[in-house]
Amino acid sequence: MRNFWAALVWLCALALAPDGLAGEAEGVPDGVYTGSAKGYVGPVTVKAAVKSGKITAVKVVKHRENRARNSLTVIPRRIVKSQSTEVDAVTRATITSKAIMKATREALKSATRKPAAGVPDGVYYGSARGYVGPIKVGMKVKGGRFLIVKVVKHRENRARTSIKDIPARMVAHQSVEVDVVTRATVTSKAIMRAVGQALQKAREKAGAKADAEP
């Protein structure tokens, strides 16, 4: 039941989005995009919906803030109303407020990034040396963008949250280079290298195929 009401609120936000107000989403393709930024305690992740060049909804989907006051709901509303990621912060929750704004900007920027440009749609794999041994990653690419990035095999024992967080950040930011997980730098960077290797192999294969065609 809780999921039903959450979905209903999201749809209402889409329906009540402002008309005729140009803003930062102008030129951004329709879709729902994810971005994150450092908050008071940890990363703050948002989803931003865009339709016809307008920000139609912003929602904080993940956070660990403990001094956010009402910023988690107020700042998204202000962003949609003003069609800008620069809005007044909530008093005594400035850091969280700024994080939501920055995360929304990152979400909008990710809409036009194509880290897999030149790579045909499909699933690819790559590997790199981690803290203990090889880390193998798999990624699904469509239209030059990451749809899925996932660690499929590893033997790391000091990875902390990097096995899930680094792939998620790559998809959210549409970038191979993302912030490492604290105290898991080696594993974090290995995951990035593995994705980079997968992209390089995919591009080389696509180039070889193109050269072989009459």
N, C-alpha and C. Protein backbone atom coordinates (compact mmCIF):
# COMPACT_ATOMS: atom_id res chain seq x y z
N MET A 1 0.83 -1.20 0.00
CA MET A 1 0.00 0.00 0.00
C MET A 1 0.87 1.26 0.00
N ARG A 2 1.98 1.23 0.76
CA ARG A 2 2.88 2.38 0.81
C ARG A 2 3.45 2.69 -0.57
N ASN A 3 3.84 1.63 -1.30
CA ASN A 3 4.37 1.83 -2.65
C ASN A 3 3.33 2.43 -3.58
N PHE A 4 2.05 2.03 -3.39
CA PHE A 4 0.97 2.57 -4.22
C PHE A 4 0.86 4.08 -4.03
N TRP A 5 0.85 4.51 -2.74
CA TRP A 5 0.70 5.95 -2.48
C TRP A 5 1.91 6.72 -2.94
N ALA A 6 3.11 6.13 -2.81
CA ALA A 6 4.32 6.80 -3.30
C ALA A 6 4.25 7.01 -4.80
N ALA A 7 3.78 5.98 -5.52
CA ALA A 7 3.65 6.09 -6.97
C ALA A 7 2.60 7.13 -7.35
N LEU A 8 1.51 7.19 -6.56
CA LEU A 8 0.44 8.15 -6.84
C LEU A 8 0.95 9.58 -6.66
N VAL A 9 1.73 9.83 -5.60
CA VAL A 9 2.29 11.16 -5.37
C VAL A 9 3.21 11.55 -6.52
N TRP A 10 4.01 10.60 -6.98
CA TRP A 10 4.94 10.85 -8.10
C TRP A 10 4.16 11.22 -9.36
N LEU A 11 3.10 10.50 -9.65
CA LEU A 11 2.30 10.80 -10.85
C LEU A 11 1.61 12.15 -10.73
N CYS A 12 1.17 12.49 -9.55
CA CYS A 12 0.55 13.81 -9.34
C CYS A 12 1.56 14.92 -9.57
N ALA A 13 2.78 14.68 -9.15
CA ALA A 13 3.83 15.68 -9.37
C ALA A 13 4.06 15.90 -10.86
N LEU A 14 4.02 14.82 -11.61
CA LEU A 14 4.17 14.94 -13.06
C LEU A 14 3.03 15.75 -13.66
N ALA A 15 1.81 15.48 -13.20
CA ALA A 15 0.63 16.14 -13.77
C ALA A 15 0.58 17.62 -13.42
N LEU A 16 1.11 17.97 -12.25
CA LEU A 16 1.02 19.35 -11.79
C LEU A 16 2.25 20.18 -12.13
N ALA A 17 3.13 19.63 -12.96
CA ALA A 17 4.35 20.36 -13.32
C ALA A 17 4.01 21.64 -14.04
N PRO A 18 4.83 22.70 -13.86
CA PRO A 18 4.52 23.99 -14.46
C PRO A 18 4.64 23.96 -15.96
N ASP A 19 3.75 24.71 -16.63
CA ASP A 19 3.78 24.82 -18.08
C ASP A 19 4.38 26.16 -18.48
N GLY A 20 5.06 26.16 -19.61
CA GLY A 20 5.53 27.41 -20.20
C GLY A 20 6.71 28.06 -19.50
N LEU A 21 7.34 27.38 -18.55
CA LEU A 21 8.47 27.96 -17.83
C LEU A 21 9.76 27.30 -18.29
N ALA A 22 10.58 28.05 -19.03
CA ALA A 22 11.84 27.51 -19.53
C ALA A 22 12.84 27.44 -18.38
N GLY A 23 13.71 26.45 -18.43
CA GLY A 23 14.68 26.32 -17.35
C GLY A 23 15.83 25.43 -17.74
N GLU A 24 16.45 24.82 -16.73
CA GLU A 24 17.67 24.04 -16.94
C GLU A 24 17.46 22.75 -17.72
N ALA A 25 16.24 22.27 -17.81
CA ALA A 25 15.99 21.02 -18.53
C ALA A 25 15.72 21.26 -20.01
N GLU A 26 15.79 22.49 -20.46
CA GLU A 26 15.53 22.78 -21.87
C GLU A 26 16.57 22.04 -22.73
N GLY A 27 16.11 21.26 -23.67
CA GLY A 27 17.00 20.49 -24.53
C GLY A 27 17.34 19.11 -24.00
N VAL A 28 16.92 18.80 -22.78
CA VAL A 28 17.17 17.48 -22.19
C VAL A 28 16.11 16.50 -22.69
N PRO A 29 16.51 15.33 -23.19
CA PRO A 29 15.51 14.36 -23.68
C PRO A 29 14.55 13.92 -22.58
N ASP A 30 13.33 13.58 -22.98
CA ASP A 30 12.35 13.07 -22.02
C ASP A 30 12.89 11.82 -21.33
N GLY A 31 12.63 11.71 -20.05
CA GLY A 31 13.07 10.53 -19.33
C GLY A 31 13.20 10.81 -17.85
N VAL A 32 13.60 9.79 -17.10
CA VAL A 32 13.86 9.92 -15.67
C VAL A 32 15.33 9.64 -15.44
N TYR A 33 16.01 10.58 -14.80
CA TYR A 33 17.45 10.51 -14.65
C TYR A 33 17.85 10.55 -13.18
N THR A 34 18.98 9.93 -12.89
CA THR A 34 19.45 9.80 -11.52
C THR A 34 20.75 10.57 -11.32
N GLY A 35 20.87 11.21 -10.16
CA GLY A 35 22.10 11.90 -9.82
C GLY A 35 22.32 11.84 -8.32
N SER A 36 23.55 12.04 -7.90
CA SER A 36 23.83 12.02 -6.47
C SER A 36 24.90 13.05 -6.13
N ALA A 37 24.91 13.44 -4.86
CA ALA A 37 25.89 14.41 -4.37
C ALA A 37 26.09 14.19 -2.88
N LYS A 38 27.23 14.62 -2.38
CA LYS A 38 27.57 14.45 -0.98
C LYS A 38 26.70 15.34 -0.10
N GLY A 39 26.03 14.73 0.88
CA GLY A 39 25.21 15.48 1.80
C GLY A 39 25.91 15.67 3.13
N TYR A 40 25.14 15.87 4.21
CA TYR A 40 25.70 16.10 5.53
C TYR A 40 26.31 14.82 6.09
N VAL A 41 25.65 13.68 5.85
CA VAL A 41 26.12 12.39 6.37
C VAL A 41 26.75 11.54 5.28
N GLY A 42 26.09 11.48 4.12
CA GLY A 42 26.57 10.64 3.02
C GLY A 42 25.94 11.08 1.72
N PRO A 43 26.02 10.24 0.69
CA PRO A 43 25.45 10.60 -0.60
C PRO A 43 23.94 10.79 -0.54
N VAL A 44 23.47 11.79 -1.27
CA VAL A 44 22.03 12.02 -1.44
C VAL A 44 21.73 11.76 -2.91
N THR A 45 20.83 10.82 -3.18
CA THR A 45 20.50 10.43 -4.55
C THR A 45 19.10 10.87 -4.90
N VAL A 46 18.96 11.46 -6.08
CA VAL A 46 17.65 11.91 -6.53
C VAL A 46 17.33 11.34 -7.91
N LYS A 47 16.04 11.29 -8.20
CA LYS A 47 15.56 11.02 -9.55
C LYS A 47 14.84 12.26 -10.04
N ALA A 48 15.16 12.67 -11.26
CA ALA A 48 14.54 13.85 -11.86
C ALA A 48 13.85 13.43 -13.16
N ALA A 49 12.57 13.75 -13.25
CA ALA A 49 11.80 13.43 -14.45
C ALA A 49 11.73 14.66 -15.34
N VAL A 50 11.95 14.44 -16.65
CA VAL A 50 11.93 15.53 -17.61
C VAL A 50 10.96 15.19 -18.73
N LYS A 51 10.14 16.17 -19.11
CA LYS A 51 9.22 16.00 -20.23
C LYS A 51 9.10 17.32 -20.97
N SER A 52 9.30 17.26 -22.29
CA SER A 52 9.18 18.44 -23.15
C SER A 52 10.04 19.60 -22.64
N GLY A 53 11.25 19.26 -22.19
CA GLY A 53 12.18 20.30 -21.76
C GLY A 53 11.89 20.90 -20.40
N LYS A 54 11.01 20.28 -19.62
CA LYS A 54 10.65 20.77 -18.29
C LYS A 54 10.98 19.72 -17.24
N ILE A 55 11.42 20.18 -16.07
CA ILE A 55 11.58 19.29 -14.92
C ILE A 55 10.18 19.07 -14.35
N THR A 56 9.67 17.87 -14.48
CA THR A 56 8.31 17.60 -14.04
C THR A 56 8.23 17.02 -12.63
N ALA A 57 9.30 16.44 -12.15
CA ALA A 57 9.30 15.89 -10.79
C ALA A 57 10.73 15.67 -10.34
N VAL A 58 10.97 15.87 -9.07
CA VAL A 58 12.25 15.56 -8.44
C VAL A 58 11.95 14.82 -7.14
N LYS A 59 12.64 13.75 -6.91
CA LYS A 59 12.38 12.96 -5.70
C LYS A 59 13.69 12.43 -5.12
N VAL A 60 13.88 12.62 -3.82
CA VAL A 60 15.03 12.04 -3.13
C VAL A 60 14.73 10.56 -2.90
N VAL A 61 15.55 9.69 -3.48
CA VAL A 61 15.27 8.26 -3.42
C VAL A 61 16.19 7.51 -2.46
N LYS A 62 17.28 8.17 -2.06
CA LYS A 62 18.20 7.49 -1.13
C LYS A 62 19.03 8.54 -0.39
N HIS A 63 19.14 8.35 0.92
CA HIS A 63 19.96 9.27 1.73
C HIS A 63 20.16 8.68 3.11
N ARG A 64 21.11 9.28 3.86
CA ARG A 64 21.33 8.88 5.25
C ARG A 64 21.36 10.13 6.14
N GLU A 65 20.76 11.21 5.65
CA GLU A 65 20.79 12.46 6.39
C GLU A 65 20.01 12.37 7.70
N ASN A 66 20.53 13.02 8.74
CA ASN A 66 19.84 13.00 10.03
C ASN A 66 19.53 14.41 10.54
N ARG A 67 19.86 15.41 9.71
CA ARG A 67 19.55 16.80 10.08
C ARG A 67 18.96 17.52 8.88
N ALA A 68 18.13 16.81 8.15
CA ALA A 68 17.61 17.33 6.89
C ALA A 68 16.40 18.24 7.07
N ARG A 69 15.78 18.20 8.27
CA ARG A 69 14.53 18.93 8.51
C ARG A 69 13.53 18.59 7.40
N ASN A 70 12.93 19.58 6.74
CA ASN A 70 11.97 19.26 5.67
C ASN A 70 12.54 19.48 4.27
N SER A 71 13.88 19.54 4.20
CA SER A 71 14.53 19.83 2.92
C SER A 71 14.32 18.74 1.87
N LEU A 72 14.12 17.50 2.33
CA LEU A 72 13.98 16.38 1.39
C LEU A 72 12.73 16.48 0.53
N THR A 73 11.74 17.20 1.02
CA THR A 73 10.52 17.39 0.23
C THR A 73 10.40 18.82 -0.30
N VAL A 74 10.87 19.79 0.49
CA VAL A 74 10.73 21.20 0.11
C VAL A 74 11.62 21.56 -1.07
N ILE A 75 12.88 21.15 -1.04
CA ILE A 75 13.81 21.51 -2.12
C ILE A 75 13.38 20.93 -3.46
N PRO A 76 12.99 19.66 -3.54
CA PRO A 76 12.48 19.15 -4.83
C PRO A 76 11.30 19.96 -5.36
N ARG A 77 10.38 20.36 -4.48
CA ARG A 77 9.23 21.16 -4.93
C ARG A 77 9.68 22.51 -5.47
N ARG A 78 10.64 23.12 -4.79
CA ARG A 78 11.14 24.42 -5.23
C ARG A 78 11.84 24.31 -6.59
N ILE A 79 12.56 23.23 -6.80
CA ILE A 79 13.25 23.03 -8.08
C ILE A 79 12.25 22.92 -9.22
N VAL A 80 11.20 22.13 -9.00
CA VAL A 80 10.17 21.98 -10.04
C VAL A 80 9.46 23.30 -10.30
N LYS A 81 9.13 24.01 -9.24
CA LYS A 81 8.40 25.27 -9.39
C LYS A 81 9.21 26.32 -10.14
N SER A 82 10.51 26.41 -9.83
CA SER A 82 11.35 27.44 -10.45
C SER A 82 12.03 26.98 -11.72
N GLN A 83 11.98 25.64 -11.99
CA GLN A 83 12.69 25.06 -13.13
C GLN A 83 14.18 25.39 -13.06
N SER A 84 14.70 25.38 -11.85
CA SER A 84 16.11 25.70 -11.61
C SER A 84 16.63 24.86 -10.46
N THR A 85 17.90 24.50 -10.54
CA THR A 85 18.53 23.75 -9.44
C THR A 85 19.19 24.69 -8.44
N GLU A 86 19.01 25.99 -8.62
CA GLU A 86 19.48 26.98 -7.65
C GLU A 86 18.27 27.62 -6.99
N VAL A 87 17.94 27.13 -5.81
CA VAL A 87 16.79 27.65 -5.07
C VAL A 87 17.21 27.96 -3.63
N ASP A 88 16.34 28.60 -2.88
CA ASP A 88 16.64 28.91 -1.49
C ASP A 88 16.75 27.63 -0.67
N ALA A 89 17.80 27.55 0.13
CA ALA A 89 18.00 26.39 0.99
C ALA A 89 17.05 26.45 2.19
N VAL A 90 16.79 25.30 2.77
CA VAL A 90 15.99 25.23 3.99
C VAL A 90 16.87 25.63 5.17
N THR A 91 16.37 26.53 5.99
CA THR A 91 17.14 27.01 7.15
C THR A 91 17.55 25.85 8.05
N ARG A 92 18.82 25.86 8.44
CA ARG A 92 19.42 24.84 9.31
C ARG A 92 19.48 23.47 8.63
N ALA A 93 19.36 23.45 7.31
CA ALA A 93 19.57 22.22 6.54
C ALA A 93 20.24 22.58 5.21
N THR A 94 21.17 23.52 5.31
CA THR A 94 21.80 24.05 4.10
C THR A 94 22.59 22.99 3.34
N ILE A 95 23.34 22.16 4.05
CA ILE A 95 24.18 21.17 3.38
C ILE A 95 23.33 20.16 2.61
N THR A 96 22.28 19.66 3.26
CA THR A 96 21.39 18.71 2.58
C THR A 96 20.68 19.38 1.41
N SER A 97 20.24 20.61 1.62
CA SER A 97 19.56 21.35 0.55
C SER A 97 20.46 21.49 -0.67
N LYS A 98 21.70 21.90 -0.43
CA LYS A 98 22.66 22.08 -1.53
C LYS A 98 22.96 20.74 -2.23
N ALA A 99 22.99 19.66 -1.43
CA ALA A 99 23.25 18.34 -2.00
C ALA A 99 22.13 17.93 -2.95
N ILE A 100 20.88 18.21 -2.57
CA ILE A 100 19.74 17.88 -3.44
C ILE A 100 19.82 18.68 -4.74
N MET A 101 20.17 19.96 -4.63
CA MET A 101 20.31 20.79 -5.83
C MET A 101 21.41 20.25 -6.75
N LYS A 102 22.56 19.93 -6.16
CA LYS A 102 23.68 19.43 -6.96
C LYS A 102 23.35 18.07 -7.57
N ALA A 103 22.69 17.21 -6.80
CA ALA A 103 22.32 15.89 -7.32
C ALA A 103 21.36 16.02 -8.50
N THR A 104 20.45 16.99 -8.43
CA THR A 104 19.52 17.21 -9.54
C THR A 104 20.26 17.72 -10.77
N ARG A 105 21.23 18.60 -10.56
CA ARG A 105 22.06 19.06 -11.69
C ARG A 105 22.80 17.90 -12.34
N GLU A 106 23.33 17.03 -11.49
CA GLU A 106 24.04 15.85 -12.01
C GLU A 106 23.10 14.96 -12.80
N ALA A 107 21.88 14.82 -12.32
CA ALA A 107 20.89 14.00 -13.03
C ALA A 107 20.61 14.58 -14.41
N LEU A 108 20.44 15.89 -14.49
CA LEU A 108 20.17 16.53 -15.79
C LEU A 108 21.37 16.42 -16.72
N LYS A 109 22.57 16.58 -16.17
CA LYS A 109 23.78 16.46 -16.99
C LYS A 109 23.94 15.05 -17.53
N SER A 110 23.57 14.06 -16.71
CA SER A 110 23.74 12.66 -17.12
C SER A 110 22.89 12.31 -18.33
N ALA A 111 21.83 13.09 -18.54
CA ALA A 111 20.90 12.81 -19.64
C ALA A 111 21.57 12.91 -21.00
N THR A 112 22.60 13.72 -21.11
CA THR A 112 23.26 13.93 -22.40
C THR A 112 24.63 13.26 -22.48
N ARG A 113 25.06 12.63 -21.40
CA ARG A 113 26.36 11.96 -21.43
C ARG A 113 26.24 10.60 -22.11
N LYS A 114 27.26 10.26 -22.88
CA LYS A 114 27.30 8.96 -23.55
C LYS A 114 28.68 8.34 -23.37
N PRO A 115 28.90 7.74 -22.19
CA PRO A 115 30.22 7.16 -21.90
C PRO A 115 30.56 5.98 -22.81
N ALA A 116 29.52 5.37 -23.41
CA ALA A 116 29.75 4.22 -24.29
C ALA A 116 29.54 4.60 -25.75
N ALA A 117 29.80 5.85 -26.10
CA ALA A 117 29.67 6.30 -27.49
C ALA A 117 30.55 5.44 -28.39
N GLY A 118 29.99 5.01 -29.50
CA GLY A 118 30.75 4.17 -30.43
C GLY A 118 30.65 2.69 -30.14
N VAL A 119 29.98 2.34 -29.05
CA VAL A 119 29.81 0.93 -28.69
C VAL A 119 28.41 0.48 -29.10
N PRO A 120 28.29 -0.55 -29.91
CA PRO A 120 26.96 -1.04 -30.31
C PRO A 120 26.15 -1.50 -29.10
N ASP A 121 24.84 -1.39 -29.18
CA ASP A 121 23.98 -1.87 -28.10
C ASP A 121 24.27 -3.33 -27.80
N GLY A 122 24.34 -3.66 -26.52
CA GLY A 122 24.60 -5.05 -26.16
C GLY A 122 25.15 -5.18 -24.75
N VAL A 123 25.60 -6.38 -24.41
CA VAL A 123 26.16 -6.69 -23.10
C VAL A 123 27.64 -6.99 -23.26
N TYR A 124 28.45 -6.40 -22.40
CA TYR A 124 29.91 -6.55 -22.51
C TYR A 124 30.51 -6.84 -21.14
N TYR A 125 31.71 -7.44 -21.16
CA TYR A 125 32.38 -7.81 -19.92
C TYR A 125 33.83 -7.34 -19.94
N GLY A 126 34.34 -7.03 -18.76
CA GLY A 126 35.73 -6.64 -18.62
C GLY A 126 36.22 -7.01 -17.23
N SER A 127 37.52 -7.01 -17.03
CA SER A 127 38.06 -7.36 -15.71
C SER A 127 39.31 -6.54 -15.42
N ALA A 128 39.62 -6.44 -14.12
CA ALA A 128 40.81 -5.72 -13.68
C ALA A 128 41.21 -6.27 -12.32
N ARG A 129 42.48 -6.10 -11.98
CA ARG A 129 43.00 -6.59 -10.71
C ARG A 129 42.50 -5.74 -9.56
N GLY A 130 41.89 -6.39 -8.55
CA GLY A 130 41.41 -5.70 -7.37
C GLY A 130 42.37 -5.85 -6.21
N TYR A 131 41.84 -5.73 -4.99
CA TYR A 131 42.68 -5.82 -3.79
C TYR A 131 43.16 -7.25 -3.56
N VAL A 132 42.29 -8.23 -3.84
CA VAL A 132 42.63 -9.64 -3.63
C VAL A 132 42.90 -10.35 -4.94
N GLY A 133 42.05 -10.14 -5.92
CA GLY A 133 42.18 -10.84 -7.19
C GLY A 133 41.41 -10.12 -8.28
N PRO A 134 41.19 -10.80 -9.40
CA PRO A 134 40.48 -10.17 -10.51
C PRO A 134 39.03 -9.83 -10.15
N ILE A 135 38.57 -8.70 -10.66
CA ILE A 135 37.17 -8.29 -10.53
C ILE A 135 36.58 -8.26 -11.94
N LYS A 136 35.52 -9.02 -12.14
CA LYS A 136 34.86 -9.06 -13.45
C LYS A 136 33.57 -8.27 -13.39
N VAL A 137 33.37 -7.42 -14.39
CA VAL A 137 32.15 -6.63 -14.45
C VAL A 137 31.40 -6.93 -15.75
N GLY A 138 30.10 -6.74 -15.70
CA GLY A 138 29.27 -6.83 -16.89
C GLY A 138 28.50 -5.53 -17.04
N MET A 139 28.26 -5.11 -18.26
CA MET A 139 27.50 -3.88 -18.47
C MET A 139 26.60 -4.03 -19.69
N LYS A 140 25.43 -3.40 -19.59
CA LYS A 140 24.50 -3.38 -20.71
C LYS A 140 24.45 -1.96 -21.25
N VAL A 141 24.66 -1.85 -22.57
CA VAL A 141 24.75 -0.54 -23.22
C VAL A 141 23.62 -0.38 -24.22
N LYS A 142 23.05 0.81 -24.24
CA LYS A 142 22.05 1.14 -25.26
C LYS A 142 22.17 2.62 -25.60
N GLY A 143 22.31 2.90 -26.88
CA GLY A 143 22.39 4.29 -27.32
C GLY A 143 23.57 5.04 -26.75
N GLY A 144 24.66 4.32 -26.49
CA GLY A 144 25.86 4.95 -25.95
C GLY A 144 25.80 5.22 -24.45
N ARG A 145 24.75 4.74 -23.78
CA ARG A 145 24.59 4.98 -22.36
C ARG A 145 24.60 3.67 -21.58
N PHE A 146 25.00 3.75 -20.31
CA PHE A 146 24.96 2.59 -19.43
C PHE A 146 23.52 2.35 -18.97
N LEU A 147 22.99 1.19 -19.25
CA LEU A 147 21.70 0.80 -18.67
C LEU A 147 21.92 0.05 -17.36
N ILE A 148 22.91 -0.84 -17.39
CA ILE A 148 23.24 -1.64 -16.20
C ILE A 148 24.76 -1.78 -16.13
N VAL A 149 25.31 -1.65 -14.94
CA VAL A 149 26.70 -2.01 -14.67
C VAL A 149 26.69 -2.86 -13.40
N LYS A 150 27.36 -4.00 -13.45
CA LYS A 150 27.29 -4.91 -12.31
C LYS A 150 28.59 -5.70 -12.16
N VAL A 151 29.04 -5.85 -10.92
CA VAL A 151 30.18 -6.74 -10.64
C VAL A 151 29.63 -8.16 -10.61
N VAL A 152 30.15 -9.02 -11.50
CA VAL A 152 29.61 -10.37 -11.61
C VAL A 152 30.50 -11.42 -10.93
N LYS A 153 31.76 -11.04 -10.64
CA LYS A 153 32.63 -12.00 -9.97
C LYS A 153 33.78 -11.26 -9.29
N HIS A 154 34.07 -11.66 -8.04
CA HIS A 154 35.19 -11.05 -7.31
C HIS A 154 35.52 -11.89 -6.09
N ARG A 155 36.69 -11.59 -5.48
CA ARG A 155 37.09 -12.25 -4.24
C ARG A 155 37.52 -11.22 -3.19
N GLU A 156 37.05 -9.98 -3.36
CA GLU A 156 37.45 -8.91 -2.46
C GLU A 156 36.93 -9.14 -1.04
N ASN A 157 37.75 -8.79 -0.03
CA ASN A 157 37.32 -8.95 1.35
C ASN A 157 37.35 -7.63 2.12
N ARG A 158 37.70 -6.55 1.42
CA ARG A 158 37.69 -5.22 2.05
C ARG A 158 37.00 -4.23 1.12
N ALA A 159 35.96 -4.69 0.50
CA ALA A 159 35.30 -3.89 -0.53
C ALA A 159 34.30 -2.90 0.04
N ARG A 160 33.89 -3.12 1.30
CA ARG A 160 32.84 -2.30 1.91
C ARG A 160 31.62 -2.25 0.98
N THR A 161 31.14 -1.08 0.59
CA THR A 161 29.95 -1.01 -0.27
C THR A 161 30.29 -0.79 -1.74
N SER A 162 31.58 -0.86 -2.07
CA SER A 162 32.00 -0.50 -3.43
C SER A 162 31.45 -1.43 -4.52
N ILE A 163 31.22 -2.69 -4.19
CA ILE A 163 30.75 -3.66 -5.19
C ILE A 163 29.39 -3.24 -5.77
N LYS A 164 28.56 -2.64 -4.94
CA LYS A 164 27.25 -2.16 -5.42
C LYS A 164 27.28 -0.67 -5.74
N ASP A 165 27.97 0.10 -4.90
CA ASP A 165 27.89 1.55 -5.03
C ASP A 165 28.60 2.09 -6.27
N ILE A 166 29.76 1.56 -6.60
CA ILE A 166 30.50 2.09 -7.77
C ILE A 166 29.72 1.85 -9.07
N PRO A 167 29.23 0.63 -9.34
CA PRO A 167 28.40 0.44 -10.54
C PRO A 167 27.17 1.35 -10.55
N ALA A 168 26.53 1.50 -9.40
CA ALA A 168 25.34 2.37 -9.33
C ALA A 168 25.69 3.81 -9.64
N ARG A 169 26.85 4.27 -9.15
CA ARG A 169 27.27 5.65 -9.43
C ARG A 169 27.59 5.84 -10.92
N MET A 170 28.14 4.82 -11.55
CA MET A 170 28.45 4.91 -12.98
C MET A 170 27.17 5.11 -13.80
N VAL A 171 26.14 4.35 -13.45
CA VAL A 171 24.87 4.47 -14.16
C VAL A 171 24.23 5.82 -13.85
N ALA A 172 24.27 6.21 -12.58
CA ALA A 172 23.65 7.48 -12.18
C ALA A 172 24.30 8.67 -12.86
N HIS A 173 25.63 8.67 -12.92
CA HIS A 173 26.36 9.81 -13.48
C HIS A 173 26.71 9.61 -14.96
N GLN A 174 26.41 8.39 -15.50
CA GLN A 174 26.79 8.08 -16.88
C GLN A 174 28.26 8.43 -17.10
N SER A 175 29.10 7.85 -16.27
CA SER A 175 30.54 8.11 -16.32
C SER A 175 31.30 6.91 -15.77
N VAL A 176 32.49 6.68 -16.35
CA VAL A 176 33.35 5.61 -15.84
C VAL A 176 34.08 6.09 -14.59
N GLU A 177 34.42 7.37 -14.56
CA GLU A 177 35.13 7.95 -13.42
C GLU A 177 34.15 8.53 -12.42
N VAL A 178 34.05 7.90 -11.26
CA VAL A 178 33.15 8.37 -10.20
C VAL A 178 33.91 8.40 -8.89
N ASP A 179 33.30 8.97 -7.86
CA ASP A 179 33.94 9.03 -6.55
C ASP A 179 34.12 7.62 -5.99
N VAL A 180 35.29 7.37 -5.42
CA VAL A 180 35.55 6.05 -4.82
C VAL A 180 34.81 5.92 -3.50
N VAL A 181 34.64 4.70 -3.05
CA VAL A 181 34.07 4.44 -1.72
C VAL A 181 35.20 4.53 -0.70
N THR A 182 34.98 5.30 0.35
CA THR A 182 35.99 5.50 1.38
C THR A 182 36.46 4.17 1.96
N ARG A 183 37.77 4.04 2.09
CA ARG A 183 38.42 2.84 2.63
C ARG A 183 38.21 1.61 1.73
N ALA A 184 37.88 1.85 0.47
CA ALA A 184 37.80 0.76 -0.51
C ALA A 184 38.28 1.30 -1.87
N THR A 185 39.34 2.10 -1.80
CA THR A 185 39.84 2.78 -3.00
C THR A 185 40.32 1.79 -4.05
N VAL A 186 41.07 0.78 -3.63
CA VAL A 186 41.64 -0.18 -4.59
C VAL A 186 40.54 -0.91 -5.35
N THR A 187 39.54 -1.39 -4.61
CA THR A 187 38.43 -2.10 -5.25
C THR A 187 37.63 -1.15 -6.14
N SER A 188 37.38 0.05 -5.65
CA SER A 188 36.62 1.03 -6.43
C SER A 188 37.29 1.31 -7.77
N LYS A 189 38.59 1.56 -7.73
CA LYS A 189 39.31 1.89 -8.96
C LYS A 189 39.41 0.68 -9.89
N ALA A 190 39.47 -0.51 -9.30
CA ALA A 190 39.51 -1.72 -10.13
C ALA A 190 38.22 -1.90 -10.91
N ILE A 191 37.10 -1.59 -10.28
CA ILE A 191 35.81 -1.69 -10.97
C ILE A 191 35.77 -0.71 -12.14
N MET A 192 36.27 0.50 -11.91
CA MET A 192 36.31 1.49 -12.99
C MET A 192 37.20 1.02 -14.14
N ARG A 193 38.36 0.46 -13.80
CA ARG A 193 39.28 -0.03 -14.85
C ARG A 193 38.63 -1.17 -15.62
N ALA A 194 37.91 -2.03 -14.92
CA ALA A 194 37.26 -3.17 -15.59
C ALA A 194 36.21 -2.69 -16.59
N VAL A 195 35.45 -1.67 -16.20
CA VAL A 195 34.46 -1.11 -17.13
C VAL A 195 35.17 -0.44 -18.30
N GLY A 196 36.25 0.27 -18.00
CA GLY A 196 37.03 0.90 -19.07
C GLY A 196 37.57 -0.13 -20.06
N GLN A 197 38.02 -1.27 -19.53
CA GLN A 197 38.52 -2.33 -20.41
C GLN A 197 37.40 -2.89 -21.28
N ALA A 198 36.23 -3.08 -20.67
CA ALA A 198 35.09 -3.61 -21.42
C ALA A 198 34.72 -2.67 -22.57
N LEU A 199 34.74 -1.37 -22.30
CA LEU A 199 34.42 -0.38 -23.35
C LEU A 199 35.47 -0.41 -24.46
N GLN A 200 36.73 -0.48 -24.06
CA GLN A 200 37.80 -0.50 -25.05
C GLN A 200 37.70 -1.73 -25.96
N LYS A 201 37.48 -2.88 -25.35
CA LYS A 201 37.34 -4.12 -26.13
C LYS A 201 36.15 -4.05 -27.07
N ALA A 202 35.04 -3.47 -26.58
CA ALA A 202 33.83 -3.36 -27.41
C ALA A 202 34.08 -2.44 -28.60
N ARG A 203 34.78 -1.33 -28.37
CA ARG A 203 35.06 -0.39 -29.46
C ARG A 203 36.01 -0.99 -30.48
N GLU A 204 37.02 -1.72 -29.98
CA GLU A 204 37.97 -2.37 -30.89
C GLU A 204 37.27 -3.41 -31.75
N LYS A 205 36.36 -4.16 -31.13
CA LYS A 205 35.62 -5.19 -31.86
C LYS A 205 34.71 -4.55 -32.90
N ALA A 206 34.05 -3.45 -32.53
CA ALA A 206 33.17 -2.75 -33.46
C ALA A 206 33.97 -2.18 -34.63
N GLY A 207 35.17 -1.64 -34.34
CA GLY A 207 36.03 -1.09 -35.38
C GLY A 207 36.52 -2.17 -36.34
N ALA A 208 36.91 -3.33 -35.77
CA ALA A 208 37.39 -4.43 -36.60
C ALA A 208 36.28 -4.94 -37.50
N LYS A 209 35.08 -4.99 -36.98
CA LYS A 209 33.94 -5.46 -37.77
C LYS A 209 33.65 -4.48 -38.92
N ALA A 210 33.74 -3.19 -38.61
CA ALA A 210 33.48 -2.19 -39.63
C ALA A 210 34.53 -2.27 -40.74
N ASP A 211 35.80 -2.51 -40.37
CA ASP A 211 36.87 -2.59 -41.35
C ASP A 211 36.71 -3.82 -42.25
N ALA A 212 36.13 -4.88 -41.66
CA ALA A 212 35.99 -6.12 -42.42
C ALA A 212 34.81 -6.10 -43.40
N GLU A 213 33.90 -5.17 -43.19
CA GLU A 213 32.73 -5.10 -44.07
C GLU A 213 33.11 -4.52 -45.43
N PRO A 214 32.55 -5.08 -46.52
CA PRO A 214 32.89 -4.58 -47.87
C PRO A 214 32.35 -3.19 -48.12
